[in-house]
Amino acid sequence: MFENKPSSAPQEPEDMFADTVSVQPQPSRLASVPESTRTGDIPELAGPVFSPGKLWTTIGAIVVVLALVGGGVWWFWWRPKQQSAASTTANQPVTQPEVQQPLGDTTPPPVTDEDQDGLTDAEEAQLGTSATNVDTDGDGLLDAEEVRTWKTNPLKVDSDDDGYSDKQEIDNGYNPNGAGKLMNVEEDIKKLGN
């Protein structure tokens, strides 16, 4: 891989700047400084840098600036928050609203429909129907159908006592709650045409 194998004797590193033009160093600025200064002697100043009056004026100005900055920081972060007149009224104490904590388990009891007829067991108990039989009166209609859809009595086979069961009347288009048809299609079409 390497064509020149290293020899056992240490070699002098190659000078990569050997072919470049050398530049003469520039004389230092210290040459223009008097010799007494270069040896460590400090010359005397003409007078004090700050007179006592200027010193106290400068310190006072710094204190005033720091006080203004500190007051600004307090104003924006820690000042008392003002309340609007709309949120509070004069001479009326501000009270916290009462928060009522729920006691114990707050989940509602499960809704059960043991016979799965569409009425809950609680509704069946209120109506007097069976919670274990989907058709308490045995007329062929579910208890929930009779209560919610047809508005018939789920405890009677024939709600209007005309001799026909509620299911027979509904299947043939008659009103299970009284006289008449459920839908008279021919009359409804005539009404729409006029």
N, C-alpha and C. Protein backbone atom coordinates (compact mmCIF):
# COMPACT_ATOMS: atom_id res chain seq x y z
N MET A 1 0.82 -1.18 0.00
CA MET A 1 0.00 0.00 0.00
C MET A 1 0.87 1.25 0.00
N PHE A 2 1.85 1.33 0.86
CA PHE A 2 2.76 2.47 0.88
C PHE A 2 4.02 2.06 0.12
N GLU A 3 4.46 2.95 -0.76
CA GLU A 3 5.63 2.61 -1.56
C GLU A 3 6.91 2.82 -0.79
N ASN A 4 6.94 3.82 0.07
CA ASN A 4 8.13 4.05 0.88
C ASN A 4 7.92 3.37 2.22
N LYS A 5 8.68 2.36 2.47
CA LYS A 5 8.55 1.68 3.74
C LYS A 5 9.39 2.42 4.76
N PRO A 6 8.85 2.55 5.95
CA PRO A 6 9.62 3.29 6.97
C PRO A 6 10.88 2.52 7.35
N SER A 7 11.93 3.31 7.52
CA SER A 7 13.19 2.69 7.94
C SER A 7 13.21 2.64 9.45
N SER A 8 14.13 1.92 9.97
CA SER A 8 14.20 1.77 11.42
C SER A 8 14.72 3.03 12.09
N ALA A 9 15.46 3.90 11.36
CA ALA A 9 16.00 5.13 11.96
C ALA A 9 14.96 6.24 11.85
N PRO A 10 14.83 7.09 12.90
CA PRO A 10 13.86 8.19 12.82
C PRO A 10 14.26 9.18 11.74
N GLN A 11 13.26 9.67 11.04
CA GLN A 11 13.52 10.62 9.96
C GLN A 11 13.09 12.01 10.39
N GLU A 12 13.73 13.01 9.85
CA GLU A 12 13.38 14.41 10.09
C GLU A 12 12.14 14.71 9.27
N PRO A 13 11.14 15.39 9.85
CA PRO A 13 9.94 15.69 9.07
C PRO A 13 10.26 16.62 7.90
N GLU A 14 9.52 16.46 6.84
CA GLU A 14 9.73 17.25 5.64
C GLU A 14 9.19 18.67 5.86
N ASP A 15 9.93 19.69 5.43
CA ASP A 15 9.50 21.09 5.56
C ASP A 15 8.61 21.42 4.38
N MET A 16 7.34 21.52 4.62
CA MET A 16 6.41 21.77 3.52
C MET A 16 6.43 23.22 3.06
N PHE A 17 7.06 24.11 3.80
CA PHE A 17 7.13 25.52 3.42
C PHE A 17 8.52 25.89 2.86
N ALA A 18 9.29 24.90 2.52
CA ALA A 18 10.66 25.15 2.04
C ALA A 18 10.66 25.94 0.74
N ASP A 19 9.69 25.78 -0.12
CA ASP A 19 9.68 26.43 -1.42
C ASP A 19 8.97 27.78 -1.40
N THR A 20 8.50 28.24 -0.26
CA THR A 20 7.77 29.51 -0.20
C THR A 20 8.73 30.66 0.01
N VAL A 21 8.25 31.86 -0.27
CA VAL A 21 9.06 33.07 -0.12
C VAL A 21 9.01 33.48 1.34
N SER A 22 10.14 33.77 1.90
CA SER A 22 10.17 34.17 3.30
C SER A 22 9.89 35.66 3.41
N VAL A 23 9.23 36.03 4.49
CA VAL A 23 8.87 37.43 4.74
C VAL A 23 9.66 37.89 5.94
N GLN A 24 10.21 39.09 5.82
CA GLN A 24 10.98 39.66 6.92
C GLN A 24 10.03 40.19 7.98
N PRO A 25 10.27 39.94 9.25
CA PRO A 25 9.38 40.45 10.29
C PRO A 25 9.42 41.97 10.34
N GLN A 26 8.25 42.55 10.65
CA GLN A 26 8.11 44.00 10.76
C GLN A 26 8.60 44.43 12.14
N PRO A 27 9.14 45.64 12.20
CA PRO A 27 9.58 46.10 13.52
C PRO A 27 8.37 46.27 14.44
N SER A 28 8.53 45.98 15.67
CA SER A 28 7.47 46.04 16.65
C SER A 28 7.14 47.48 17.01
N ARG A 29 5.94 47.68 17.50
CA ARG A 29 5.54 49.04 17.93
C ARG A 29 6.26 49.43 19.22
N LEU A 30 6.76 48.45 19.91
CA LEU A 30 7.46 48.75 21.14
C LEU A 30 8.72 49.55 20.90
N ALA A 31 9.21 49.54 19.67
CA ALA A 31 10.44 50.27 19.37
C ALA A 31 10.22 51.76 19.54
N SER A 32 8.99 52.24 19.36
CA SER A 32 8.74 53.68 19.49
C SER A 32 8.43 54.09 20.93
N VAL A 33 8.26 53.10 21.82
CA VAL A 33 7.96 53.40 23.22
C VAL A 33 9.28 53.62 23.95
N PRO A 34 9.32 54.67 24.80
CA PRO A 34 10.59 54.93 25.53
C PRO A 34 11.03 53.72 26.33
N GLU A 35 12.31 53.58 26.50
CA GLU A 35 12.91 52.44 27.18
C GLU A 35 12.45 52.34 28.62
N SER A 36 12.20 53.45 29.28
CA SER A 36 11.80 53.42 30.69
C SER A 36 10.44 52.75 30.86
N THR A 37 9.57 52.88 29.86
CA THR A 37 8.25 52.27 29.94
C THR A 37 8.36 50.77 29.75
N ARG A 38 9.26 50.33 28.88
CA ARG A 38 9.39 48.92 28.60
C ARG A 38 9.99 48.14 29.76
N THR A 39 10.65 48.79 30.65
CA THR A 39 11.28 48.08 31.77
C THR A 39 10.33 47.89 32.93
N GLY A 40 9.12 48.43 32.85
CA GLY A 40 8.17 48.21 33.91
C GLY A 40 7.88 49.46 34.72
N ASP A 41 8.58 50.55 34.49
CA ASP A 41 8.29 51.78 35.22
C ASP A 41 7.01 52.38 34.68
N ILE A 42 6.12 52.79 35.57
CA ILE A 42 4.86 53.39 35.16
C ILE A 42 4.98 54.88 35.33
N PRO A 43 4.73 55.61 34.26
CA PRO A 43 4.84 57.07 34.39
C PRO A 43 3.69 57.62 35.22
N GLU A 44 3.91 58.74 35.88
CA GLU A 44 2.89 59.40 36.69
C GLU A 44 1.85 60.02 35.78
N LEU A 45 0.58 59.94 36.19
CA LEU A 45 -0.50 60.56 35.43
C LEU A 45 -0.55 62.03 35.79
N ALA A 46 -1.14 62.78 34.89
CA ALA A 46 -1.19 64.22 35.09
C ALA A 46 -2.07 64.60 36.27
N GLY A 47 -3.09 63.84 36.59
CA GLY A 47 -3.99 64.14 37.70
C GLY A 47 -4.95 62.98 37.90
N PRO A 48 -5.88 63.07 38.87
CA PRO A 48 -6.82 61.98 39.07
C PRO A 48 -7.78 61.84 37.89
N VAL A 49 -8.16 60.57 37.59
CA VAL A 49 -9.06 60.31 36.47
C VAL A 49 -10.44 60.89 36.77
N PHE A 50 -10.94 60.65 38.00
CA PHE A 50 -12.23 61.19 38.41
C PHE A 50 -12.00 62.12 39.58
N SER A 51 -12.57 63.26 39.49
CA SER A 51 -12.54 64.14 40.66
C SER A 51 -13.62 63.65 41.62
N PRO A 52 -13.56 63.93 42.90
CA PRO A 52 -14.57 63.43 43.83
C PRO A 52 -15.99 63.84 43.43
N GLY A 53 -16.20 64.98 42.87
CA GLY A 53 -17.53 65.41 42.45
C GLY A 53 -18.06 64.57 41.30
N LYS A 54 -17.21 64.29 40.32
CA LYS A 54 -17.63 63.47 39.18
C LYS A 54 -17.88 62.02 39.61
N LEU A 55 -17.08 61.52 40.55
CA LEU A 55 -17.24 60.16 41.03
C LEU A 55 -18.61 59.96 41.67
N TRP A 56 -18.99 60.86 42.56
CA TRP A 56 -20.29 60.73 43.24
C TRP A 56 -21.45 60.96 42.29
N THR A 57 -21.30 61.80 41.30
CA THR A 57 -22.35 62.00 40.30
C THR A 57 -22.56 60.73 39.48
N THR A 58 -21.46 60.09 39.10
CA THR A 58 -21.56 58.86 38.32
C THR A 58 -22.21 57.74 39.15
N ILE A 59 -21.82 57.59 40.39
CA ILE A 59 -22.42 56.57 41.26
C ILE A 59 -23.90 56.85 41.46
N GLY A 60 -24.28 58.09 41.66
CA GLY A 60 -25.70 58.45 41.83
C GLY A 60 -26.51 58.12 40.58
N ALA A 61 -25.95 58.40 39.40
CA ALA A 61 -26.65 58.11 38.15
C ALA A 61 -26.85 56.60 37.98
N ILE A 62 -25.85 55.81 38.34
CA ILE A 62 -25.97 54.36 38.25
C ILE A 62 -27.05 53.84 39.19
N VAL A 63 -27.11 54.38 40.41
CA VAL A 63 -28.13 53.97 41.37
C VAL A 63 -29.53 54.30 40.85
N VAL A 64 -29.71 55.47 40.27
CA VAL A 64 -31.02 55.87 39.74
C VAL A 64 -31.43 54.94 38.59
N VAL A 65 -30.50 54.62 37.70
CA VAL A 65 -30.82 53.73 36.58
C VAL A 65 -31.21 52.34 37.09
N LEU A 66 -30.46 51.82 38.06
CA LEU A 66 -30.79 50.51 38.62
C LEU A 66 -32.16 50.52 39.31
N ALA A 67 -32.48 51.59 40.00
CA ALA A 67 -33.79 51.69 40.65
C ALA A 67 -34.91 51.72 39.62
N LEU A 68 -34.73 52.43 38.53
CA LEU A 68 -35.75 52.47 37.47
C LEU A 68 -35.93 51.10 36.83
N VAL A 69 -34.84 50.42 36.55
CA VAL A 69 -34.93 49.09 35.95
C VAL A 69 -35.61 48.12 36.91
N GLY A 70 -35.23 48.15 38.18
CA GLY A 70 -35.86 47.27 39.17
C GLY A 70 -37.34 47.57 39.33
N GLY A 71 -37.72 48.83 39.33
CA GLY A 71 -39.14 49.19 39.42
C GLY A 71 -39.91 48.71 38.20
N GLY A 72 -39.32 48.78 37.04
CA GLY A 72 -39.98 48.29 35.82
C GLY A 72 -40.19 46.79 35.86
N VAL A 73 -39.19 46.06 36.34
CA VAL A 73 -39.32 44.61 36.46
C VAL A 73 -40.44 44.27 37.44
N TRP A 74 -40.48 44.94 38.58
CA TRP A 74 -41.55 44.69 39.55
C TRP A 74 -42.91 45.01 38.94
N TRP A 75 -43.03 46.09 38.23
CA TRP A 75 -44.31 46.52 37.66
C TRP A 75 -44.87 45.46 36.71
N PHE A 76 -44.03 44.88 35.89
CA PHE A 76 -44.52 43.93 34.89
C PHE A 76 -44.73 42.52 35.44
N TRP A 77 -43.98 42.10 36.46
CA TRP A 77 -44.10 40.73 36.93
C TRP A 77 -44.83 40.58 38.26
N TRP A 78 -44.64 41.47 39.19
CA TRP A 78 -45.17 41.25 40.52
C TRP A 78 -46.17 42.31 40.98
N ARG A 79 -46.63 43.15 40.12
CA ARG A 79 -47.58 44.18 40.55
C ARG A 79 -48.92 43.54 40.90
N PRO A 80 -49.70 44.14 41.77
CA PRO A 80 -51.03 43.58 42.08
C PRO A 80 -51.92 43.68 40.86
N LYS A 81 -52.64 42.62 40.60
CA LYS A 81 -53.54 42.60 39.45
C LYS A 81 -54.79 43.41 39.78
N GLN A 82 -55.22 44.24 38.85
CA GLN A 82 -56.40 45.07 39.06
C GLN A 82 -57.63 44.29 38.63
N GLN A 83 -58.71 44.44 39.39
CA GLN A 83 -59.96 43.79 39.05
C GLN A 83 -60.85 44.80 38.35
N SER A 84 -61.57 44.31 37.34
CA SER A 84 -62.46 45.21 36.62
C SER A 84 -63.70 45.47 37.46
N ALA A 85 -64.32 46.60 37.24
CA ALA A 85 -65.52 46.98 37.98
C ALA A 85 -66.67 46.04 37.67
N ALA A 86 -66.68 45.45 36.49
CA ALA A 86 -67.77 44.56 36.10
C ALA A 86 -67.72 43.25 36.87
N SER A 87 -66.50 42.81 37.26
CA SER A 87 -66.40 41.52 37.91
C SER A 87 -66.72 41.58 39.40
N THR A 88 -66.55 42.70 40.03
CA THR A 88 -66.88 42.83 41.44
C THR A 88 -67.68 44.10 41.65
N THR A 89 -68.50 44.09 42.66
CA THR A 89 -69.26 45.30 43.00
C THR A 89 -68.80 45.78 44.35
N ALA A 90 -68.96 47.06 44.60
CA ALA A 90 -68.50 47.66 45.84
C ALA A 90 -69.26 47.09 47.02
N ASN A 91 -68.57 46.92 48.13
CA ASN A 91 -69.14 46.46 49.39
C ASN A 91 -69.76 45.06 49.29
N GLN A 92 -69.32 44.27 48.35
CA GLN A 92 -69.84 42.91 48.23
C GLN A 92 -68.64 41.96 48.30
N PRO A 93 -68.64 41.07 49.29
CA PRO A 93 -67.49 40.18 49.41
C PRO A 93 -67.45 39.17 48.26
N VAL A 94 -66.25 38.85 47.87
CA VAL A 94 -66.05 37.86 46.82
C VAL A 94 -65.96 36.50 47.48
N THR A 95 -66.81 35.58 47.06
CA THR A 95 -66.81 34.25 47.64
C THR A 95 -66.51 33.22 46.57
N GLN A 96 -65.97 32.14 47.01
CA GLN A 96 -65.67 31.04 46.09
C GLN A 96 -66.93 30.22 45.87
N PRO A 97 -67.17 29.76 44.65
CA PRO A 97 -68.35 28.90 44.43
C PRO A 97 -68.15 27.57 45.15
N GLU A 98 -69.24 27.03 45.62
CA GLU A 98 -69.17 25.74 46.29
C GLU A 98 -69.02 24.64 45.26
N VAL A 99 -68.08 23.78 45.50
CA VAL A 99 -67.86 22.65 44.62
C VAL A 99 -68.29 21.41 45.39
N GLN A 100 -69.29 20.74 44.85
CA GLN A 100 -69.76 19.54 45.52
C GLN A 100 -69.01 18.34 44.98
N GLN A 101 -68.42 17.62 45.87
CA GLN A 101 -67.67 16.43 45.50
C GLN A 101 -68.63 15.24 45.48
N PRO A 102 -68.57 14.42 44.46
CA PRO A 102 -69.44 13.24 44.43
C PRO A 102 -69.04 12.27 45.54
N LEU A 103 -70.02 11.63 46.09
CA LEU A 103 -69.78 10.66 47.15
C LEU A 103 -69.76 9.26 46.56
N GLY A 104 -68.71 8.56 46.80
CA GLY A 104 -68.62 7.17 46.37
C GLY A 104 -68.61 7.02 44.86
N ASP A 105 -69.15 5.92 44.42
CA ASP A 105 -69.18 5.57 43.00
C ASP A 105 -70.27 6.38 42.31
N THR A 106 -69.90 7.11 41.27
CA THR A 106 -70.86 7.97 40.57
C THR A 106 -71.34 7.35 39.26
N THR A 107 -70.94 6.14 38.97
CA THR A 107 -71.40 5.52 37.73
C THR A 107 -72.86 5.10 37.89
N PRO A 108 -73.68 5.35 36.88
CA PRO A 108 -75.08 4.98 37.00
C PRO A 108 -75.23 3.46 36.99
N PRO A 109 -76.27 2.98 37.60
CA PRO A 109 -76.46 1.53 37.58
C PRO A 109 -76.69 1.05 36.15
N PRO A 110 -76.30 -0.14 35.85
CA PRO A 110 -76.46 -0.63 34.47
C PRO A 110 -77.94 -0.75 34.11
N VAL A 111 -78.26 -0.42 32.87
CA VAL A 111 -79.62 -0.55 32.37
C VAL A 111 -79.78 -1.97 31.87
N THR A 112 -80.77 -2.64 32.41
CA THR A 112 -80.95 -4.04 32.02
C THR A 112 -82.27 -4.22 31.29
N ASP A 113 -82.26 -5.12 30.34
CA ASP A 113 -83.45 -5.52 29.60
C ASP A 113 -83.34 -7.04 29.49
N GLU A 114 -83.79 -7.72 30.53
CA GLU A 114 -83.58 -9.16 30.63
C GLU A 114 -84.16 -9.92 29.44
N ASP A 115 -85.36 -9.56 28.99
CA ASP A 115 -85.96 -10.29 27.87
C ASP A 115 -85.59 -9.69 26.51
N GLN A 116 -84.88 -8.59 26.50
CA GLN A 116 -84.39 -7.92 25.29
C GLN A 116 -85.51 -7.62 24.30
N ASP A 117 -86.62 -7.10 24.84
CA ASP A 117 -87.74 -6.73 23.96
C ASP A 117 -87.74 -5.25 23.61
N GLY A 118 -86.78 -4.48 24.14
CA GLY A 118 -86.71 -3.05 23.84
C GLY A 118 -87.17 -2.18 24.98
N LEU A 119 -87.78 -2.76 25.99
CA LEU A 119 -88.17 -2.02 27.20
C LEU A 119 -87.23 -2.44 28.32
N THR A 120 -86.72 -1.45 29.08
CA THR A 120 -85.85 -1.82 30.20
C THR A 120 -86.68 -2.50 31.27
N ASP A 121 -86.01 -3.19 32.15
CA ASP A 121 -86.71 -3.87 33.24
C ASP A 121 -87.46 -2.87 34.11
N ALA A 122 -86.89 -1.67 34.29
CA ALA A 122 -87.57 -0.64 35.09
C ALA A 122 -88.85 -0.18 34.38
N GLU A 123 -88.80 -0.01 33.03
CA GLU A 123 -90.01 0.37 32.29
C GLU A 123 -91.06 -0.74 32.36
N GLU A 124 -90.61 -1.98 32.27
CA GLU A 124 -91.56 -3.11 32.33
C GLU A 124 -92.23 -3.17 33.71
N ALA A 125 -91.46 -2.88 34.76
CA ALA A 125 -92.05 -2.88 36.11
C ALA A 125 -93.08 -1.76 36.24
N GLN A 126 -92.79 -0.60 35.63
CA GLN A 126 -93.72 0.53 35.69
C GLN A 126 -95.00 0.24 34.90
N LEU A 127 -94.88 -0.44 33.76
CA LEU A 127 -96.05 -0.75 32.93
C LEU A 127 -96.80 -2.00 33.40
N GLY A 128 -96.13 -2.83 34.19
CA GLY A 128 -96.76 -4.07 34.65
C GLY A 128 -96.56 -5.22 33.70
N THR A 129 -95.67 -5.08 32.74
CA THR A 129 -95.40 -6.17 31.80
C THR A 129 -94.31 -7.08 32.35
N SER A 130 -94.11 -8.22 31.71
CA SER A 130 -93.13 -9.20 32.17
C SER A 130 -91.74 -8.81 31.70
N ALA A 131 -90.78 -8.85 32.63
CA ALA A 131 -89.39 -8.56 32.28
C ALA A 131 -88.70 -9.77 31.67
N THR A 132 -89.36 -10.92 31.66
CA THR A 132 -88.74 -12.13 31.11
C THR A 132 -89.45 -12.64 29.87
N ASN A 133 -90.56 -11.98 29.45
CA ASN A 133 -91.32 -12.41 28.28
C ASN A 133 -91.40 -11.22 27.31
N VAL A 134 -90.98 -11.41 26.06
CA VAL A 134 -90.96 -10.32 25.09
C VAL A 134 -92.36 -9.87 24.69
N ASP A 135 -93.36 -10.75 24.81
CA ASP A 135 -94.74 -10.42 24.44
C ASP A 135 -95.65 -10.85 25.59
N THR A 136 -95.85 -9.92 26.51
CA THR A 136 -96.59 -10.25 27.74
C THR A 136 -98.01 -10.72 27.45
N ASP A 137 -98.72 -10.04 26.51
CA ASP A 137 -100.13 -10.41 26.26
C ASP A 137 -100.28 -11.51 25.21
N GLY A 138 -99.21 -11.89 24.54
CA GLY A 138 -99.25 -13.00 23.59
C GLY A 138 -99.96 -12.69 22.28
N ASP A 139 -100.07 -11.41 21.88
CA ASP A 139 -100.76 -11.07 20.64
C ASP A 139 -99.85 -11.07 19.42
N GLY A 140 -98.54 -11.36 19.59
CA GLY A 140 -97.62 -11.39 18.45
C GLY A 140 -96.82 -10.11 18.25
N LEU A 141 -97.08 -9.09 19.07
CA LEU A 141 -96.30 -7.84 19.00
C LEU A 141 -95.40 -7.75 20.24
N LEU A 142 -94.16 -7.32 20.04
CA LEU A 142 -93.27 -7.13 21.19
C LEU A 142 -93.86 -6.05 22.09
N ASP A 143 -93.58 -6.14 23.38
CA ASP A 143 -94.07 -5.14 24.33
C ASP A 143 -93.60 -3.73 23.93
N ALA A 144 -92.34 -3.60 23.51
CA ALA A 144 -91.82 -2.29 23.12
C ALA A 144 -92.54 -1.76 21.88
N GLU A 145 -92.89 -2.63 20.90
CA GLU A 145 -93.64 -2.19 19.72
C GLU A 145 -95.01 -1.64 20.12
N GLU A 146 -95.68 -2.34 21.01
CA GLU A 146 -97.00 -1.90 21.43
C GLU A 146 -96.94 -0.56 22.13
N VAL A 147 -95.92 -0.35 22.98
CA VAL A 147 -95.82 0.90 23.76
C VAL A 147 -95.33 2.05 22.90
N ARG A 148 -94.27 1.85 22.14
CA ARG A 148 -93.61 2.96 21.45
C ARG A 148 -94.14 3.19 20.03
N THR A 149 -94.44 2.17 19.29
CA THR A 149 -94.84 2.34 17.89
C THR A 149 -96.35 2.46 17.73
N TRP A 150 -97.09 1.48 18.23
CA TRP A 150 -98.53 1.43 17.95
C TRP A 150 -99.38 2.07 19.04
N LYS A 151 -98.78 2.37 20.19
CA LYS A 151 -99.49 2.99 21.32
C LYS A 151 -100.67 2.13 21.78
N THR A 152 -100.47 0.83 21.77
CA THR A 152 -101.52 -0.11 22.22
C THR A 152 -101.19 -0.59 23.62
N ASN A 153 -102.11 -1.32 24.23
CA ASN A 153 -101.94 -1.84 25.58
C ASN A 153 -101.18 -3.16 25.52
N PRO A 154 -99.95 -3.22 26.09
CA PRO A 154 -99.16 -4.45 26.01
C PRO A 154 -99.69 -5.56 26.92
N LEU A 155 -100.72 -5.25 27.74
CA LEU A 155 -101.30 -6.26 28.63
C LEU A 155 -102.58 -6.87 28.06
N LYS A 156 -103.09 -6.35 26.91
CA LYS A 156 -104.33 -6.86 26.30
C LYS A 156 -104.05 -7.32 24.87
N VAL A 157 -104.57 -8.46 24.50
CA VAL A 157 -104.41 -8.99 23.15
C VAL A 157 -105.15 -8.09 22.16
N ASP A 158 -106.32 -7.57 22.54
CA ASP A 158 -107.14 -6.73 21.66
C ASP A 158 -107.38 -5.41 22.40
N SER A 159 -106.56 -4.40 22.08
CA SER A 159 -106.62 -3.13 22.82
C SER A 159 -107.95 -2.40 22.65
N ASP A 160 -108.59 -2.49 21.48
CA ASP A 160 -109.85 -1.76 21.26
C ASP A 160 -111.09 -2.63 21.43
N ASP A 161 -110.90 -3.88 21.86
CA ASP A 161 -112.01 -4.81 22.14
C ASP A 161 -112.99 -4.97 20.97
N ASP A 162 -112.45 -5.08 19.74
CA ASP A 162 -113.34 -5.25 18.57
C ASP A 162 -113.36 -6.70 18.09
N GLY A 163 -112.68 -7.59 18.81
CA GLY A 163 -112.71 -9.00 18.45
C GLY A 163 -111.51 -9.43 17.62
N TYR A 164 -110.67 -8.51 17.20
CA TYR A 164 -109.47 -8.84 16.43
C TYR A 164 -108.25 -8.46 17.28
N SER A 165 -107.23 -9.32 17.25
CA SER A 165 -106.02 -9.02 18.03
C SER A 165 -105.31 -7.80 17.42
N ASP A 166 -104.52 -7.16 18.24
CA ASP A 166 -103.77 -5.98 17.76
C ASP A 166 -102.90 -6.34 16.55
N LYS A 167 -102.26 -7.49 16.57
CA LYS A 167 -101.40 -7.90 15.45
C LYS A 167 -102.23 -8.13 14.19
N GLN A 168 -103.40 -8.78 14.31
CA GLN A 168 -104.25 -9.02 13.14
C GLN A 168 -104.67 -7.68 12.51
N GLU A 169 -105.04 -6.73 13.32
CA GLU A 169 -105.47 -5.43 12.79
C GLU A 169 -104.32 -4.71 12.09
N ILE A 170 -103.14 -4.74 12.70
CA ILE A 170 -101.97 -4.05 12.10
C ILE A 170 -101.59 -4.74 10.80
N ASP A 171 -101.54 -6.07 10.78
CA ASP A 171 -101.16 -6.81 9.57
C ASP A 171 -102.14 -6.55 8.41
N ASN A 172 -103.40 -6.26 8.71
CA ASN A 172 -104.40 -6.01 7.67
C ASN A 172 -104.65 -4.52 7.43
N GLY A 173 -103.86 -3.67 8.07
CA GLY A 173 -103.96 -2.23 7.80
C GLY A 173 -105.00 -1.50 8.62
N TYR A 174 -105.53 -2.14 9.68
CA TYR A 174 -106.55 -1.48 10.50
C TYR A 174 -105.92 -0.89 11.77
N ASN A 175 -106.59 0.07 12.32
CA ASN A 175 -106.13 0.74 13.52
C ASN A 175 -106.40 -0.17 14.72
N PRO A 176 -105.37 -0.57 15.51
CA PRO A 176 -105.60 -1.45 16.65
C PRO A 176 -106.19 -0.71 17.86
N ASN A 177 -106.29 0.61 17.76
CA ASN A 177 -106.81 1.39 18.89
C ASN A 177 -108.25 1.87 18.68
N GLY A 178 -108.88 1.52 17.59
CA GLY A 178 -110.24 1.96 17.34
C GLY A 178 -110.64 1.68 15.91
N ALA A 179 -111.73 2.34 15.48
CA ALA A 179 -112.25 2.12 14.13
C ALA A 179 -111.34 2.76 13.09
N GLY A 180 -111.39 2.24 11.88
CA GLY A 180 -110.67 2.85 10.76
C GLY A 180 -109.43 2.09 10.38
N LYS A 181 -108.91 2.52 9.23
CA LYS A 181 -107.70 1.92 8.70
C LYS A 181 -106.49 2.73 9.18
N LEU A 182 -105.36 2.05 9.19
CA LEU A 182 -104.11 2.74 9.53
C LEU A 182 -103.74 3.72 8.41
N MET A 183 -103.80 3.21 7.19
CA MET A 183 -103.48 4.07 6.04
C MET A 183 -104.49 3.76 4.94
N ASN A 184 -105.10 4.79 4.43
CA ASN A 184 -105.99 4.65 3.30
C ASN A 184 -105.26 5.26 2.12
N VAL A 185 -104.51 4.43 1.39
CA VAL A 185 -103.61 4.89 0.34
C VAL A 185 -104.38 5.61 -0.77
N GLU A 186 -105.52 5.09 -1.17
CA GLU A 186 -106.28 5.70 -2.26
C GLU A 186 -106.73 7.11 -1.89
N GLU A 187 -107.24 7.29 -0.66
CA GLU A 187 -107.68 8.63 -0.24
C GLU A 187 -106.51 9.58 -0.12
N ASP A 188 -105.37 9.10 0.40
CA ASP A 188 -104.19 9.95 0.55
C ASP A 188 -103.69 10.42 -0.82
N ILE A 189 -103.74 9.56 -1.83
CA ILE A 189 -103.30 9.95 -3.17
C ILE A 189 -104.25 11.00 -3.74
N LYS A 190 -105.53 10.81 -3.52
CA LYS A 190 -106.52 11.80 -4.02
C LYS A 190 -106.30 13.15 -3.36
N LYS A 191 -106.00 13.14 -2.05
CA LYS A 191 -105.75 14.40 -1.33
C LYS A 191 -104.52 15.11 -1.87
N LEU A 192 -103.49 14.34 -2.18
CA LEU A 192 -102.26 14.94 -2.72
C LEU A 192 -102.48 15.51 -4.11
N GLY A 193 -103.37 14.88 -4.90
CA GLY A 193 -103.61 15.33 -6.27
C GLY A 193 -104.38 16.65 -6.32
N ASN A 194 -105.14 16.95 -5.33
CA ASN A 194 -105.95 18.19 -5.34
C ASN A 194 -105.16 19.35 -4.95
